[in-house]
Amino acid sequence: MKEIERKFLVDIDIWGAQVKGAFSNISQAYLQNSKGQTIRLRLRDNKAYLTIKGPIKGLTRNEYEYEIPFKEAEQMIFDFKLKVLKKRRYLIDFATKTWEVDVFEDQLKGLILAEIELESEQEKFEKPDWVGEEVSYDASYFNANLINRLS
């Protein structure tokens, strides 16, 4: 399956005044992260997923995601002594699109990123006022690289 997404920094002051509603707690760890290919474990509320992502070409990459037993995902993280990235994810509907807003925790506290999935790289969309600088092409903002900031 193809994934096309754009990623933006979030203006903390504007976002903080507007944040409301439900969120999901997400913990994720990486089994592999090399040459633009990642294998990720994600624990989201009471479910777990194994996700395989291919290299990015422009804003597009192949992505395959499978639900796996939660306890097995926890055990893999423990057995392989994986670093765990933690965040809260809010789903915000705005102008016919759903934005995923990730509020990072622990050592990444203060970082807030917003992503929007698109049908094509050329698709036009409206941005909420809390959306700031685009970082879609800056690999340092990919979750697979953010995890390297954790000790």
Protein backbone atom coordinates (compact mmCIF):
# COMPACT_ATOMS: atom_id res chain seq x y z
CA MET A 1 0.00 0.00 0.00
CA LYS A 2 1.29 3.48 -0.85
CA GLU A 3 1.56 6.14 1.82
CA ILE A 4 1.77 9.80 0.82
CA GLU A 5 2.10 12.22 3.70
CA ARG A 6 3.35 15.66 4.56
CA LYS A 7 4.71 16.60 7.96
CA PHE A 8 4.79 19.97 9.73
CA LEU A 9 5.96 21.51 12.97
CA VAL A 10 3.12 22.74 15.17
CA ASP A 11 2.98 26.19 16.77
CA ILE A 12 2.83 25.18 20.43
CA ASP A 13 1.18 28.41 21.61
CA ILE A 14 -1.70 28.27 19.12
CA TRP A 15 -2.09 24.49 19.40
CA GLY A 16 -2.11 24.55 23.22
CA ALA A 17 -5.01 26.98 23.26
CA GLN A 18 -7.09 24.77 20.94
CA VAL A 19 -6.28 21.21 22.02
CA LYS A 20 -9.37 19.32 23.09
CA GLY A 21 -10.77 15.87 22.72
CA ALA A 22 -9.64 12.30 22.75
CA PHE A 23 -6.16 11.06 22.06
CA SER A 24 -4.35 7.76 21.82
CA ASN A 25 -1.25 6.85 23.77
CA ILE A 26 1.37 5.45 21.42
CA SER A 27 4.65 3.72 22.18
CA GLN A 28 6.81 2.61 19.30
CA ALA A 29 10.15 0.91 18.80
CA TYR A 30 12.18 -0.03 15.75
CA LEU A 31 13.46 -3.50 14.94
CA GLN A 32 15.22 -2.17 11.85
CA ASN A 33 16.02 1.29 10.54
CA SER A 34 18.50 1.34 7.67
CA LYS A 35 18.69 2.58 4.10
CA GLY A 36 15.28 4.20 4.44
CA GLN A 37 13.63 0.90 5.33
CA THR A 38 12.03 0.49 8.73
CA ILE A 39 10.37 -2.27 10.69
CA ARG A 40 8.39 -0.79 13.55
CA LEU A 41 6.46 -2.08 16.53
CA ARG A 42 3.65 0.21 17.65
CA LEU A 43 1.54 -0.16 20.78
CA ARG A 44 -1.54 2.03 20.57
CA ASP A 45 -3.88 1.93 23.52
CA ASN A 46 -4.55 -1.84 23.82
CA LYS A 47 -3.52 -2.95 20.31
CA ALA A 48 -0.16 -3.64 18.70
CA TYR A 49 1.04 -3.43 15.10
CA LEU A 50 4.06 -4.48 13.10
CA THR A 51 4.71 -2.01 10.27
CA ILE A 52 7.16 -2.36 7.41
CA LYS A 53 8.03 0.79 5.45
CA GLY A 54 10.11 1.03 2.30
CA PRO A 55 12.36 3.86 1.14
CA ILE A 56 10.79 7.26 0.49
CA LYS A 57 10.60 8.59 -3.06
CA GLY A 58 9.47 12.21 -2.89
CA LEU A 59 6.63 12.09 -0.37
CA THR A 60 5.64 8.48 -1.18
CA ARG A 61 6.63 5.13 0.29
CA ASN A 62 5.28 1.60 0.48
CA GLU A 63 3.83 0.67 3.86
CA TYR A 64 2.48 -2.63 5.17
CA GLU A 65 0.88 -2.88 8.60
CA TYR A 66 -0.30 -5.95 10.51
CA GLU A 67 -1.99 -6.26 13.87
CA ILE A 68 -0.07 -8.56 16.20
CA PRO A 69 -0.70 -9.78 19.77
CA PHE A 70 -0.07 -6.97 22.25
CA LYS A 71 1.85 -9.17 24.70
CA GLU A 72 4.16 -10.38 21.94
CA ALA A 73 4.97 -6.80 20.92
CA GLU A 74 5.76 -5.93 24.54
CA GLN A 75 7.94 -9.02 24.81
CA MET A 76 9.88 -8.15 21.64
CA ILE A 77 10.61 -4.67 22.97
CA PHE A 78 11.86 -6.20 26.22
CA ASP A 79 13.81 -9.08 24.66
CA PHE A 80 15.60 -6.89 22.11
CA LYS A 81 16.13 -3.99 24.57
CA LEU A 82 14.62 -1.52 22.12
CA LYS A 83 14.37 2.22 22.75
CA VAL A 84 10.73 3.31 23.01
CA LEU A 85 9.39 6.59 21.63
CA LYS A 86 6.24 7.79 23.44
CA LYS A 87 3.64 10.25 22.21
CA ARG A 88 0.00 11.22 22.36
CA ARG A 89 -1.83 11.29 19.04
CA TYR A 90 -4.79 13.55 18.40
CA LEU A 91 -6.93 13.18 15.26
CA ILE A 92 -8.14 16.59 14.13
CA ASP A 93 -10.68 16.98 11.33
CA PHE A 94 -10.11 20.14 9.32
CA ALA A 95 -11.46 21.09 5.87
CA THR A 96 -12.30 17.53 4.69
CA LYS A 97 -8.99 16.05 5.92
CA THR A 98 -7.89 14.42 9.15
CA TRP A 99 -4.65 15.66 10.67
CA GLU A 100 -2.65 13.43 13.00
CA VAL A 101 -1.02 15.57 15.67
CA ASP A 102 1.69 13.88 17.73
CA VAL A 103 2.65 15.41 21.07
CA PHE A 104 5.92 13.78 22.09
CA GLU A 105 6.79 12.84 25.66
CA ASP A 106 9.86 12.24 27.82
CA GLN A 107 13.11 13.48 26.23
CA LEU A 108 11.22 14.77 23.18
CA LYS A 109 8.77 16.80 25.27
CA GLY A 110 7.98 20.11 23.58
CA LEU A 111 8.07 18.64 20.08
CA ILE A 112 4.70 18.55 18.32
CA LEU A 113 4.34 17.34 14.73
CA ALA A 114 1.31 17.26 12.45
CA GLU A 115 0.89 14.90 9.50
CA ILE A 116 -1.65 14.78 6.74
CA GLU A 117 -2.10 11.86 4.36
CA LEU A 118 -2.84 12.71 0.74
CA GLU A 119 -4.12 10.94 -2.36
CA SER A 120 -1.28 12.35 -4.49
CA GLU A 121 1.86 14.41 -3.97
CA GLN A 122 0.22 17.29 -5.86
CA GLU A 123 -3.02 17.31 -3.85
CA LYS A 124 -3.96 20.74 -2.49
CA PHE A 125 -5.15 21.09 1.11
CA GLU A 126 -5.90 23.74 3.72
CA LYS A 127 -3.74 24.13 6.81
CA PRO A 128 -5.06 24.99 10.28
CA ASP A 129 -3.56 28.09 11.88
CA TRP A 130 -1.45 25.97 14.28
CA VAL A 131 0.46 24.32 11.41
CA GLY A 132 3.94 25.77 11.02
CA GLU A 133 7.05 24.98 8.99
CA GLU A 134 6.96 21.97 6.70
CA VAL A 135 9.51 19.28 7.58
CA SER A 136 8.40 16.54 5.15
CA TYR A 137 11.83 16.37 3.53
CA ASP A 138 13.84 16.68 6.75
CA ALA A 139 14.69 13.11 7.79
CA SER A 140 15.61 14.26 11.31
CA TYR A 141 11.85 14.57 11.98
CA PHE A 142 11.04 11.00 10.94
CA ASN A 143 10.05 8.97 14.00
CA ALA A 144 12.63 6.34 13.07
CA ASN A 145 15.30 9.04 13.48
CA LEU A 146 13.74 10.87 16.43
CA ILE A 147 14.17 7.70 18.46
CA ASN A 148 17.95 8.13 18.15
CA ARG A 149 17.67 11.24 20.35
CA LEU A 150 16.59 9.03 23.25
CA SER A 151 19.21 7.78 25.69
